[in-house]
Amino acid sequence: MKGLEAVTLKQLRALAAVARSGSITAAADMLSLTPPAVHLQIKALEGIAQSKLLQRSSDTAGSQLTQAGHALLVAAERIEAHLSQGLGQVQALAEGHAGKVTIGVVSTGKYFAPRLVKRLMDRFPEIEIVLRVGNRTEVVADLDRGAVDMAIMGRPPRQPDVVAEQLGPHPHGIIAPPDHPLARAAQVEIADLVRETFLGREEGSGTRILMTRYLDRIGEGQIIDTVEMGSNETIKQAVIAGLGLALISLHTVTDELEFGRLALVRAPGLPILRHWFLVWPSDTPMGPAGERIYQEIVRMGGDFLPGSLENFYK
């Protein structure tokens, strides 16, 4: 069919109005147009379709659709339905009742992030929520290039410039096997601590940065043996196996501490108390769906975080 791009909604709606009302005159009243205007719309549509769409009744002033007219009417009704659905979706997006929100989480946060996402999905089933997990460097890069709408992490980055909302405490401590001599001591001496091997995350991890600073501070320049491992799970299993100690987020070891597979070392300067933050790029306006998710996370007040400092060091 030639000239398909010339078909307009006005033409299709004129055809539908004639089908519903039975005449061009009645269709004109329905559309608040003149009969000649409706007639012109129908004639233009017939020209594009290269087919007669209306058949005037021989004994009345009414008009009926031909087979070709009925075929176009079906198409017109489908177009109207899809258009109505699309406009409804646009309105839902504009009001924050639909859409997609991507939340970045540093890998330490994966121990509570799925539970948080489940609560958000229950609260806003119409919003698609995507979780991206990576180390600190990866999450900061995602923020910078707009791959995530917001992120949950520890210390907010200097770049990109972000708005940060504090969510709750994030304690860090040193873990050891429960039968380790330092795990049984009421207070560990620094001289004993620096002789141990420490297991740490890869470069770019916020936990690795925190461990390095702590060991540099207590060691006063002394070289301390460290072994790099790629994940918190590997570190936990390595500590359980007796390969060394680790300074780690206590939110990653709540189960192991509770069931006695790991123990805390009571050393000077511990626990190190940091905070979780919800951050988003300050130069990027948050969409309606993102704003609803952000407000809900803030409203929770960190009650999705595992454990408490008192429980860890009871």
C-alpha atoms as a PDB file:
ATOM      1  CA  MET A   1       0.000   0.000   0.000  1.00  0.00           C
ATOM      2  CA  LYS A   2       1.494   3.314  -1.084  1.00  0.00           C
ATOM      3  CA  GLY A   3       1.340   6.389   1.142  1.00  0.00           C
ATOM      4  CA  LEU A   4       0.895   4.418   4.354  1.00  0.00           C
ATOM      5  CA  GLU A   5       2.767   7.141   6.249  1.00  0.00           C
ATOM      6  CA  ALA A   6       0.015   9.574   5.211  1.00  0.00           C
ATOM      7  CA  VAL A   7      -2.628   7.793   7.311  1.00  0.00           C
ATOM      8  CA  THR A   8      -3.634   9.956  10.282  1.00  0.00           C
ATOM      9  CA  LEU A   9      -5.494   9.360  13.510  1.00  0.00           C
ATOM     10  CA  LYS A  10      -8.113  11.900  12.397  1.00  0.00           C
ATOM     11  CA  GLN A  11      -8.902   9.797   9.329  1.00  0.00           C
ATOM     12  CA  LEU A  12      -9.151   6.570  11.307  1.00  0.00           C
ATOM     13  CA  ARG A  13     -11.269   8.209  13.986  1.00  0.00           C
ATOM     14  CA  ALA A  14     -13.614   9.578  11.320  1.00  0.00           C
ATOM     15  CA  LEU A  15     -14.045   6.066   9.940  1.00  0.00           C
ATOM     16  CA  ALA A  16     -14.689   4.664  13.422  1.00  0.00           C
ATOM     17  CA  ALA A  17     -17.220   7.392  14.170  1.00  0.00           C
ATOM     18  CA  VAL A  18     -19.177   6.593  11.003  1.00  0.00           C
ATOM     19  CA  ALA A  19     -19.113   2.905  11.931  1.00  0.00           C
ATOM     20  CA  ARG A  20     -20.494   3.657  15.393  1.00  0.00           C
ATOM     21  CA  SER A  21     -23.067   6.273  14.426  1.00  0.00           C
ATOM     22  CA  GLY A  22     -24.192   4.921  11.028  1.00  0.00           C
ATOM     23  CA  SER A  23     -23.865   8.155   9.051  1.00  0.00           C
ATOM     24  CA  ILE A  24     -21.420  10.935   8.186  1.00  0.00           C
ATOM     25  CA  THR A  25     -23.761  13.549   9.680  1.00  0.00           C
ATOM     26  CA  ALA A  26     -24.006  11.733  13.024  1.00  0.00           C
ATOM     27  CA  ALA A  27     -20.254  11.109  12.984  1.00  0.00           C
ATOM     28  CA  ALA A  28     -19.669  14.830  12.486  1.00  0.00           C
ATOM     29  CA  ASP A  29     -21.754  15.601  15.580  1.00  0.00           C
ATOM     30  CA  MET A  30     -19.821  12.995  17.539  1.00  0.00           C
ATOM     31  CA  LEU A  31     -16.458  14.489  16.522  1.00  0.00           C
ATOM     32  CA  SER A  32     -17.563  18.145  16.740  1.00  0.00           C
ATOM     33  CA  LEU A  33     -16.816  18.590  13.040  1.00  0.00           C
ATOM     34  CA  THR A  34     -18.839  19.485   9.967  1.00  0.00           C
ATOM     35  CA  PRO A  35     -20.135  16.717   7.661  1.00  0.00           C
ATOM     36  CA  PRO A  36     -17.905  17.952   4.782  1.00  0.00           C
ATOM     37  CA  ALA A  37     -14.841  17.731   7.062  1.00  0.00           C
ATOM     38  CA  VAL A  38     -15.647  14.111   7.953  1.00  0.00           C
ATOM     39  CA  HIS A  39     -16.333  13.363   4.281  1.00  0.00           C
ATOM     40  CA  LEU A  40     -12.894  14.745   3.350  1.00  0.00           C
ATOM     41  CA  GLN A  41     -11.176  12.570   5.981  1.00  0.00           C
ATOM     42  CA  ILE A  42     -12.901   9.454   4.644  1.00  0.00           C
ATOM     43  CA  LYS A  43     -12.106  10.334   0.997  1.00  0.00           C
ATOM     44  CA  ALA A  44      -8.420  10.890   1.896  1.00  0.00           C
ATOM     45  CA  LEU A  45      -8.292   7.526   3.657  1.00  0.00           C
ATOM     46  CA  GLU A  46      -9.932   5.826   0.650  1.00  0.00           C
ATOM     47  CA  GLY A  47      -7.316   7.384  -1.569  1.00  0.00           C
ATOM     48  CA  ILE A  48      -4.494   5.976   0.557  1.00  0.00           C
ATOM     49  CA  ALA A  49      -6.157   2.555   0.815  1.00  0.00           C
ATOM     50  CA  GLN A  50      -7.103   2.631  -2.863  1.00  0.00           C
ATOM     51  CA  SER A  51     -10.383   1.039  -1.840  1.00  0.00           C
ATOM     52  CA  LYS A  52     -13.935   2.177  -1.147  1.00  0.00           C
ATOM     53  CA  LEU A  53     -14.479   2.177   2.615  1.00  0.00           C
ATOM     54  CA  LEU A  54     -18.120   3.360   2.898  1.00  0.00           C
ATOM     55  CA  GLN A  55     -21.222   2.219   1.120  1.00  0.00           C
ATOM     56  CA  ARG A  56     -24.155   4.631   1.233  1.00  0.00           C
ATOM     57  CA  SER A  57     -27.452   2.865   1.938  1.00  0.00           C
ATOM     58  CA  SER A  58     -29.855   3.033  -0.967  1.00  0.00           C
ATOM     59  CA  ASP A  59     -32.939   3.701   1.114  1.00  0.00           C
ATOM     60  CA  THR A  60     -31.507   5.880   3.897  1.00  0.00           C
ATOM     61  CA  ALA A  61     -29.075   8.681   4.439  1.00  0.00           C
ATOM     62  CA  GLY A  62     -26.869   6.334   6.406  1.00  0.00           C
ATOM     63  CA  SER A  63     -23.536   4.751   5.480  1.00  0.00           C
ATOM     64  CA  GLN A  64     -22.130   1.313   6.138  1.00  0.00           C
ATOM     65  CA  LEU A  65     -18.551   0.074   6.062  1.00  0.00           C
ATOM     66  CA  THR A  66     -17.411  -2.096   3.181  1.00  0.00           C
ATOM     67  CA  GLN A  67     -15.219  -5.144   3.812  1.00  0.00           C
ATOM     68  CA  ALA A  68     -12.171  -2.944   3.307  1.00  0.00           C
ATOM     69  CA  GLY A  69     -13.667  -0.434   5.731  1.00  0.00           C
ATOM     70  CA  HIS A  70     -14.173  -3.137   8.352  1.00  0.00           C
ATOM     71  CA  ALA A  71     -10.533  -4.257   7.932  1.00  0.00           C
ATOM     72  CA  LEU A  72      -9.299  -0.712   8.549  1.00  0.00           C
ATOM     73  CA  LEU A  73     -11.702  -0.306  11.477  1.00  0.00           C
ATOM     74  CA  VAL A  74     -10.143  -3.329  13.217  1.00  0.00           C
ATOM     75  CA  ALA A  75      -6.696  -1.806  12.691  1.00  0.00           C
ATOM     76  CA  ALA A  76      -7.919   1.576  13.954  1.00  0.00           C
ATOM     77  CA  GLU A  77      -9.320   0.019  17.142  1.00  0.00           C
ATOM     78  CA  ARG A  78      -6.023  -1.774  17.795  1.00  0.00           C
ATOM     79  CA  ILE A  79      -4.089   1.450  17.273  1.00  0.00           C
ATOM     80  CA  GLU A  80      -6.349   3.304  19.700  1.00  0.00           C
ATOM     81  CA  ALA A  81      -5.927   0.533  22.300  1.00  0.00           C
ATOM     82  CA  HIS A  82      -2.137   0.497  21.990  1.00  0.00           C
ATOM     83  CA  LEU A  83      -1.990   4.285  22.066  1.00  0.00           C
ATOM     84  CA  SER A  84      -4.137   4.401  25.191  1.00  0.00           C
ATOM     85  CA  GLN A  85      -1.936   1.786  26.851  1.00  0.00           C
ATOM     86  CA  GLY A  86       1.204   3.670  25.884  1.00  0.00           C
ATOM     87  CA  LEU A  87      -0.090   6.965  27.227  1.00  0.00           C
ATOM     88  CA  GLY A  88      -1.059   5.221  30.453  1.00  0.00           C
ATOM     89  CA  GLN A  89       2.471   3.902  30.778  1.00  0.00           C
ATOM     90  CA  VAL A  90       3.906   7.352  30.125  1.00  0.00           C
ATOM     91  CA  GLN A  91       1.691   8.799  32.852  1.00  0.00           C
ATOM     92  CA  ALA A  92       2.742   6.025  35.253  1.00  0.00           C
ATOM     93  CA  LEU A  93       6.394   6.765  34.517  1.00  0.00           C
ATOM     94  CA  ALA A  94       5.841  10.466  35.082  1.00  0.00           C
ATOM     95  CA  GLU A  95       4.178   9.791  38.439  1.00  0.00           C
ATOM     96  CA  GLY A  96       6.799   7.244  39.550  1.00  0.00           C
ATOM     97  CA  HIS A  97       4.347   4.339  39.460  1.00  0.00           C
ATOM     98  CA  ALA A  98       6.398   2.475  36.857  1.00  0.00           C
ATOM     99  CA  GLY A  99       9.918   2.449  35.527  1.00  0.00           C
ATOM    100  CA  LYS A 100      13.289   0.875  36.112  1.00  0.00           C
ATOM    101  CA  VAL A 101      15.683   1.747  38.933  1.00  0.00           C
ATOM    102  CA  THR A 102      19.222   0.362  39.097  1.00  0.00           C
ATOM    103  CA  ILE A 103      20.899   0.284  42.504  1.00  0.00           C
ATOM    104  CA  GLY A 104      24.641  -0.197  42.774  1.00  0.00           C
ATOM    105  CA  VAL A 105      25.964  -1.906  45.910  1.00  0.00           C
ATOM    106  CA  VAL A 106      29.558  -2.483  46.982  1.00  0.00           C
ATOM    107  CA  SER A 107      30.288  -6.179  47.352  1.00  0.00           C
ATOM    108  CA  THR A 108      30.246  -6.006  51.157  1.00  0.00           C
ATOM    109  CA  GLY A 109      26.631  -4.901  50.913  1.00  0.00           C
ATOM    110  CA  LYS A 110      25.515  -8.021  49.053  1.00  0.00           C
ATOM    111  CA  TYR A 111      24.838  -9.633  52.440  1.00  0.00           C
ATOM    112  CA  PHE A 112      21.858  -7.354  53.017  1.00  0.00           C
ATOM    113  CA  ALA A 113      21.092  -5.856  49.579  1.00  0.00           C
ATOM    114  CA  PRO A 114      18.919  -8.768  48.303  1.00  0.00           C
ATOM    115  CA  ARG A 115      16.721  -8.478  51.401  1.00  0.00           C
ATOM    116  CA  LEU A 116      16.439  -4.725  50.827  1.00  0.00           C
ATOM    117  CA  VAL A 117      15.509  -5.230  47.162  1.00  0.00           C
ATOM    118  CA  LYS A 118      12.850  -7.780  48.130  1.00  0.00           C
ATOM    119  CA  ARG A 119      11.257  -5.259  50.478  1.00  0.00           C
ATOM    120  CA  LEU A 120      11.328  -2.592  47.775  1.00  0.00           C
ATOM    121  CA  MET A 121       9.783  -4.961  45.226  1.00  0.00           C
ATOM    122  CA  ASP A 122       6.995  -5.866  47.660  1.00  0.00           C
ATOM    123  CA  ARG A 123       6.384  -2.170  48.294  1.00  0.00           C
ATOM    124  CA  PHE A 124       6.568  -1.121  44.620  1.00  0.00           C
ATOM    125  CA  PRO A 125       5.730  -4.171  42.468  1.00  0.00           C
ATOM    126  CA  GLU A 126       5.195  -1.957  39.420  1.00  0.00           C
ATOM    127  CA  ILE A 127       8.800  -0.670  39.458  1.00  0.00           C
ATOM    128  CA  GLU A 128      11.578  -2.862  38.047  1.00  0.00           C
ATOM    129  CA  ILE A 129      14.540  -2.853  40.443  1.00  0.00           C
ATOM    130  CA  VAL A 130      17.950  -4.010  39.244  1.00  0.00           C
ATOM    131  CA  LEU A 131      20.879  -4.715  41.585  1.00  0.00           C
ATOM    132  CA  ARG A 132      24.497  -4.243  40.432  1.00  0.00           C
ATOM    133  CA  VAL A 133      27.212  -5.492  42.773  1.00  0.00           C
ATOM    134  CA  GLY A 134      30.900  -4.611  42.494  1.00  0.00           C
ATOM    135  CA  ASN A 135      33.857  -3.412  44.502  1.00  0.00           C
ATOM    136  CA  ARG A 136      34.160   0.243  45.444  1.00  0.00           C
ATOM    137  CA  THR A 137      36.080   1.223  42.303  1.00  0.00           C
ATOM    138  CA  GLU A 138      33.511  -0.458  40.062  1.00  0.00           C
ATOM    139  CA  VAL A 139      30.526   1.112  41.828  1.00  0.00           C
ATOM    140  CA  VAL A 140      32.088   4.592  41.678  1.00  0.00           C
ATOM    141  CA  ALA A 141      32.709   4.074  37.941  1.00  0.00           C
ATOM    142  CA  ASP A 142      29.060   3.016  37.495  1.00  0.00           C
ATOM    143  CA  LEU A 143      27.929   6.200  39.236  1.00  0.00           C
ATOM    144  CA  ASP A 144      30.203   8.307  37.068  1.00  0.00           C
ATOM    145  CA  ARG A 145      28.948   6.877  33.768  1.00  0.00           C
ATOM    146  CA  GLY A 146      25.294   6.705  34.787  1.00  0.00           C
ATOM    147  CA  ALA A 147      25.074   2.906  34.844  1.00  0.00           C
ATOM    148  CA  VAL A 148      23.247   3.054  38.200  1.00  0.00           C
ATOM    149  CA  ASP A 149      20.652   5.501  39.490  1.00  0.00           C
ATOM    150  CA  MET A 150      21.969   5.381  43.051  1.00  0.00           C
ATOM    151  CA  ALA A 151      24.388   3.332  45.113  1.00  0.00           C
ATOM    152  CA  ILE A 152      24.838   2.026  48.638  1.00  0.00           C
ATOM    153  CA  MET A 153      28.427   2.203  49.813  1.00  0.00           C
ATOM    154  CA  GLY A 154      30.710   3.293  52.618  1.00  0.00           C
ATOM    155  CA  ARG A 155      32.647   6.559  52.381  1.00  0.00           C
ATOM    156  CA  PRO A 156      31.150   8.658  49.549  1.00  0.00           C
ATOM    157  CA  PRO A 157      33.547   9.265  46.641  1.00  0.00           C
ATOM    158  CA  ARG A 158      35.168  12.618  45.912  1.00  0.00           C
ATOM    159  CA  GLN A 159      34.460  12.113  42.222  1.00  0.00           C
ATOM    160  CA  PRO A 160      31.889  12.091  40.811  1.00  0.00           C
ATOM    161  CA  ASP A 161      30.227  14.721  42.957  1.00  0.00           C
ATOM    162  CA  VAL A 162      27.388  13.011  44.809  1.00  0.00           C
ATOM    163  CA  VAL A 163      24.606  13.724  47.248  1.00  0.00           C
ATOM    164  CA  ALA A 164      24.933  11.344  50.208  1.00  0.00           C
ATOM    165  CA  GLU A 165      22.331  10.243  52.745  1.00  0.00           C
ATOM    166  CA  GLN A 166      23.573   8.358  55.820  1.00  0.00           C
ATOM    167  CA  LEU A 167      21.720   5.069  56.294  1.00  0.00           C
ATOM    168  CA  GLY A 168      23.209   3.393  59.341  1.00  0.00           C
ATOM    169  CA  PRO A 169      26.347   2.144  61.130  1.00  0.00           C
ATOM    170  CA  HIS A 170      28.862  -0.119  59.418  1.00  0.00           C
ATOM    171  CA  PRO A 171      31.224  -1.719  61.969  1.00  0.00           C
ATOM    172  CA  HIS A 172      34.474  -3.465  61.045  1.00  0.00           C
ATOM    173  CA  GLY A 173      36.522  -5.845  63.188  1.00  0.00           C
ATOM    174  CA  ILE A 174      39.188  -8.511  63.065  1.00  0.00           C
ATOM    175  CA  ILE A 175      38.018 -12.105  62.793  1.00  0.00           C
ATOM    176  CA  ALA A 176      39.861 -15.305  63.713  1.00  0.00           C
ATOM    177  CA  PRO A 177      39.091 -19.014  64.095  1.00  0.00           C
ATOM    178  CA  PRO A 178      37.340 -19.576  67.446  1.00  0.00           C
ATOM    179  CA  ASP A 179      40.277 -21.666  68.740  1.00  0.00           C
ATOM    180  CA  HIS A 180      42.902 -19.052  67.852  1.00  0.00           C
ATOM    181  CA  PRO A 181      44.868 -17.766  70.915  1.00  0.00           C
ATOM    182  CA  LEU A 182      44.089 -14.126  70.057  1.00  0.00           C
ATOM    183  CA  ALA A 183      40.362 -14.902  69.851  1.00  0.00           C
ATOM    184  CA  ARG A 184      40.384 -16.035  73.477  1.00  0.00           C
ATOM    185  CA  ALA A 185      42.264 -12.987  74.829  1.00  0.00           C
ATOM    186  CA  ALA A 186      40.313 -10.291  76.664  1.00  0.00           C
ATOM    187  CA  GLN A 187      42.559  -7.658  75.079  1.00  0.00           C
ATOM    188  CA  VAL A 188      45.181  -8.364  72.422  1.00  0.00           C
ATOM    189  CA  GLU A 189      48.589  -6.683  72.464  1.00  0.00           C
ATOM    190  CA  ILE A 190      49.634  -4.906  69.279  1.00  0.00           C
ATOM    191  CA  ALA A 191      52.960  -6.771  69.304  1.00  0.00           C
ATOM    192  CA  ASP A 192      51.101 -10.060  69.078  1.00  0.00           C
ATOM    193  CA  LEU A 193      48.716  -8.777  66.403  1.00  0.00           C
ATOM    194  CA  VAL A 194      51.347  -7.542  63.947  1.00  0.00           C
ATOM    195  CA  ARG A 195      53.011 -10.964  63.892  1.00  0.00           C
ATOM    196  CA  GLU A 196      49.918 -12.481  62.308  1.00  0.00           C
ATOM    197  CA  THR A 197      49.174 -12.909  58.610  1.00  0.00           C
ATOM    198  CA  PHE A 198      46.246 -10.819  57.389  1.00  0.00           C
ATOM    199  CA  LEU A 199      43.923 -11.803  54.559  1.00  0.00           C
ATOM    200  CA  GLY A 200      42.517  -8.912  52.540  1.00  0.00           C
ATOM    201  CA  ARG A 201      40.432  -8.020  49.534  1.00  0.00           C
ATOM    202  CA  GLU A 202      41.739  -6.924  46.141  1.00  0.00           C
ATOM    203  CA  GLU A 203      42.964  -3.424  45.310  1.00  0.00           C
ATOM    204  CA  GLY A 204      40.010  -1.093  44.823  1.00  0.00           C
ATOM    205  CA  SER A 205      38.004  -2.580  47.670  1.00  0.00           C
ATOM    206  CA  GLY A 206      36.919  -0.219  50.445  1.00  0.00           C
ATOM    207  CA  THR A 207      37.595  -2.930  53.032  1.00  0.00           C
ATOM    208  CA  ARG A 208      41.155  -3.337  51.694  1.00  0.00           C
ATOM    209  CA  ILE A 209      41.736   0.408  52.058  1.00  0.00           C
ATOM    210  CA  LEU A 210      40.437   0.341  55.640  1.00  0.00           C
ATOM    211  CA  MET A 211      42.587  -2.688  56.571  1.00  0.00           C
ATOM    212  CA  THR A 212      45.726  -1.130  55.096  1.00  0.00           C
ATOM    213  CA  ARG A 213      45.207   2.090  57.040  1.00  0.00           C
ATOM    214  CA  TYR A 214      44.583   0.225  60.288  1.00  0.00           C
ATOM    215  CA  LEU A 215      47.657  -1.992  59.949  1.00  0.00           C
ATOM    216  CA  ASP A 216      49.840   0.977  58.989  1.00  0.00           C
ATOM    217  CA  ARG A 217      48.641   2.824  62.065  1.00  0.00           C
ATOM    218  CA  ILE A 218      49.188   0.057  64.608  1.00  0.00           C
ATOM    219  CA  GLY A 219      52.336  -1.280  62.931  1.00  0.00           C
ATOM    220  CA  GLU A 220      54.020   2.127  62.774  1.00  0.00           C
ATOM    221  CA  GLY A 221      55.771   1.246  59.524  1.00  0.00           C
ATOM    222  CA  GLN A 222      56.418  -2.390  60.371  1.00  0.00           C
ATOM    223  CA  ILE A 223      55.867  -4.792  57.455  1.00  0.00           C
ATOM    224  CA  ILE A 224      52.898  -7.063  58.137  1.00  0.00           C
ATOM    225  CA  ASP A 225      52.293 -10.185  56.093  1.00  0.00           C
ATOM    226  CA  THR A 226      49.197  -9.873  53.946  1.00  0.00           C
ATOM    227  CA  VAL A 227      47.586 -12.225  51.432  1.00  0.00           C
ATOM    228  CA  GLU A 228      45.144 -10.949  48.808  1.00  0.00           C
ATOM    229  CA  MET A 229      41.885 -12.778  48.164  1.00  0.00           C
ATOM    230  CA  GLY A 230      39.110 -11.990  45.738  1.00  0.00           C
ATOM    231  CA  SER A 231      35.971 -12.082  47.858  1.00  0.00           C
ATOM    232  CA  ASN A 232      34.630 -11.887  51.390  1.00  0.00           C
ATOM    233  CA  GLU A 233      33.455 -15.494  51.158  1.00  0.00           C
ATOM    234  CA  THR A 234      36.951 -16.704  50.289  1.00  0.00           C
ATOM    235  CA  ILE A 235      38.408 -14.657  53.142  1.00  0.00           C
ATOM    236  CA  LYS A 236      35.922 -16.089  55.636  1.00  0.00           C
ATOM    237  CA  GLN A 237      36.637 -19.657  54.603  1.00  0.00           C
ATOM    238  CA  ALA A 238      40.384 -19.011  54.689  1.00  0.00           C
ATOM    239  CA  VAL A 239      40.157 -17.603  58.231  1.00  0.00           C
ATOM    240  CA  ILE A 240      38.077 -20.597  59.353  1.00  0.00           C
ATOM    241  CA  ALA A 241      40.759 -22.843  57.866  1.00  0.00           C
ATOM    242  CA  GLY A 242      43.436 -21.082  59.905  1.00  0.00           C
ATOM    243  CA  LEU A 243      45.297 -19.322  57.083  1.00  0.00           C
ATOM    244  CA  GLY A 244      45.275 -15.962  58.851  1.00  0.00           C
ATOM    245  CA  LEU A 245      43.217 -13.175  60.372  1.00  0.00           C
ATOM    246  CA  ALA A 246      41.131 -10.597  58.528  1.00  0.00           C
ATOM    247  CA  LEU A 247      39.809  -7.125  59.137  1.00  0.00           C
ATOM    248  CA  ILE A 248      36.356  -7.289  57.634  1.00  0.00           C
ATOM    249  CA  SER A 249      32.898  -5.765  57.683  1.00  0.00           C
ATOM    250  CA  LEU A 250      31.004  -7.353  60.559  1.00  0.00           C
ATOM    251  CA  HIS A 251      27.882  -7.276  58.406  1.00  0.00           C
ATOM    252  CA  THR A 252      29.468 -10.046  56.310  1.00  0.00           C
ATOM    253  CA  VAL A 253      30.037 -12.445  59.237  1.00  0.00           C
ATOM    254  CA  THR A 254      26.884 -12.213  61.359  1.00  0.00           C
ATOM    255  CA  ASP A 255      25.959 -15.888  60.843  1.00  0.00           C
ATOM    256  CA  GLU A 256      29.507 -17.183  61.378  1.00  0.00           C
ATOM    257  CA  LEU A 257      29.859 -15.215  64.616  1.00  0.00           C
ATOM    258  CA  GLU A 258      26.440 -16.288  65.858  1.00  0.00           C
ATOM    259  CA  PHE A 259      27.096 -19.994  65.273  1.00  0.00           C
ATOM    260  CA  GLY A 260      30.680 -19.939  66.549  1.00  0.00           C
ATOM    261  CA  ARG A 261      32.523 -20.622  63.303  1.00  0.00           C
ATOM    262  CA  LEU A 262      34.397 -17.334  63.681  1.00  0.00           C
ATOM    263  CA  ALA A 263      35.335 -15.162  66.638  1.00  0.00           C
ATOM    264  CA  LEU A 264      36.191 -11.496  67.095  1.00  0.00           C
ATOM    265  CA  VAL A 265      39.644 -10.333  68.129  1.00  0.00           C
ATOM    266  CA  ARG A 266      39.510  -7.598  70.777  1.00  0.00           C
ATOM    267  CA  ALA A 267      42.373  -5.373  69.689  1.00  0.00           C
ATOM    268  CA  PRO A 268      43.180  -1.677  70.177  1.00  0.00           C
ATOM    269  CA  GLY A 269      41.150   0.674  68.014  1.00  0.00           C
ATOM    270  CA  LEU A 270      38.427  -1.868  67.318  1.00  0.00           C
ATOM    271  CA  PRO A 271      35.738  -1.975  66.247  1.00  0.00           C
ATOM    272  CA  ILE A 272      36.201   0.592  63.495  1.00  0.00           C
ATOM    273  CA  LEU A 273      32.852   2.254  63.034  1.00  0.00           C
ATOM    274  CA  ARG A 274      31.965   3.521  59.591  1.00  0.00           C
ATOM    275  CA  HIS A 275      28.588   4.235  58.040  1.00  0.00           C
ATOM    276  CA  TRP A 276      26.585   3.116  55.056  1.00  0.00           C
ATOM    277  CA  PHE A 277      25.511   5.859  52.649  1.00  0.00           C
ATOM    278  CA  LEU A 278      22.955   6.084  49.872  1.00  0.00           C
ATOM    279  CA  VAL A 279      24.513   8.235  47.142  1.00  0.00           C
ATOM    280  CA  TRP A 280      23.563   9.502  43.697  1.00  0.00           C
ATOM    281  CA  PRO A 281      25.239  11.901  41.226  1.00  0.00           C
ATOM    282  CA  SER A 282      24.432  15.483  42.140  1.00  0.00           C
ATOM    283  CA  ASP A 283      24.342  16.611  38.493  1.00  0.00           C
ATOM    284  CA  THR A 284      21.791  13.987  37.435  1.00  0.00           C
ATOM    285  CA  PRO A 285      18.115  14.678  38.236  1.00  0.00           C
ATOM    286  CA  MET A 286      16.477  11.641  39.789  1.00  0.00           C
ATOM    287  CA  GLY A 287      13.444  10.330  37.927  1.00  0.00           C
ATOM    288  CA  PRO A 288      10.054   9.866  39.612  1.00  0.00           C
ATOM    289  CA  ALA A 289      10.528   6.111  40.142  1.00  0.00           C
ATOM    290  CA  GLY A 290      14.039   6.648  41.486  1.00  0.00           C
ATOM    291  CA  GLU A 291      12.781   9.325  43.841  1.00  0.00           C
ATOM    292  CA  ARG A 292      10.172   6.940  45.294  1.00  0.00           C
ATOM    293  CA  ILE A 293      12.789   4.222  45.822  1.00  0.00           C
ATOM    294  CA  TYR A 294      15.225   6.670  47.380  1.00  0.00           C
ATOM    295  CA  GLN A 295      12.622   8.033  49.790  1.00  0.00           C
ATOM    296  CA  GLU A 296      11.616   4.508  50.819  1.00  0.00           C
ATOM    297  CA  ILE A 297      15.213   3.435  51.523  1.00  0.00           C
ATOM    298  CA  VAL A 298      15.764   6.543  53.639  1.00  0.00           C
ATOM    299  CA  ARG A 299      12.466   5.957  55.453  1.00  0.00           C
ATOM    300  CA  MET A 300      13.631   2.477  56.500  1.00  0.00           C
ATOM    301  CA  GLY A 301      16.304   4.099  58.637  1.00  0.00           C
ATOM    302  CA  GLY A 302      18.799   1.282  58.120  1.00  0.00           C
ATOM    303  CA  ASP A 303      16.562  -1.378  59.670  1.00  0.00           C
ATOM    304  CA  PHE A 304      17.552  -3.718  56.812  1.00  0.00           C
ATOM    305  CA  LEU A 305      21.168  -3.794  58.058  1.00  0.00           C
ATOM    306  CA  PRO A 306      22.194  -7.022  59.832  1.00  0.00           C
ATOM    307  CA  GLY A 307      23.138  -7.143  63.492  1.00  0.00           C
ATOM    308  CA  SER A 308      24.125  -4.347  65.864  1.00  0.00           C
ATOM    309  CA  LEU A 309      27.394  -3.297  67.470  1.00  0.00           C
ATOM    310  CA  GLU A 310      26.146  -4.415  70.888  1.00  0.00           C
ATOM    311  CA  ASN A 311      25.365  -7.892  69.560  1.00  0.00           C
ATOM    312  CA  PHE A 312      28.772  -8.251  67.911  1.00  0.00           C
ATOM    313  CA  TYR A 313      30.715  -7.311  71.061  1.00  0.00           C
ATOM    314  CA  LYS A 314      28.429  -8.705  73.758  1.00  0.00           C
END
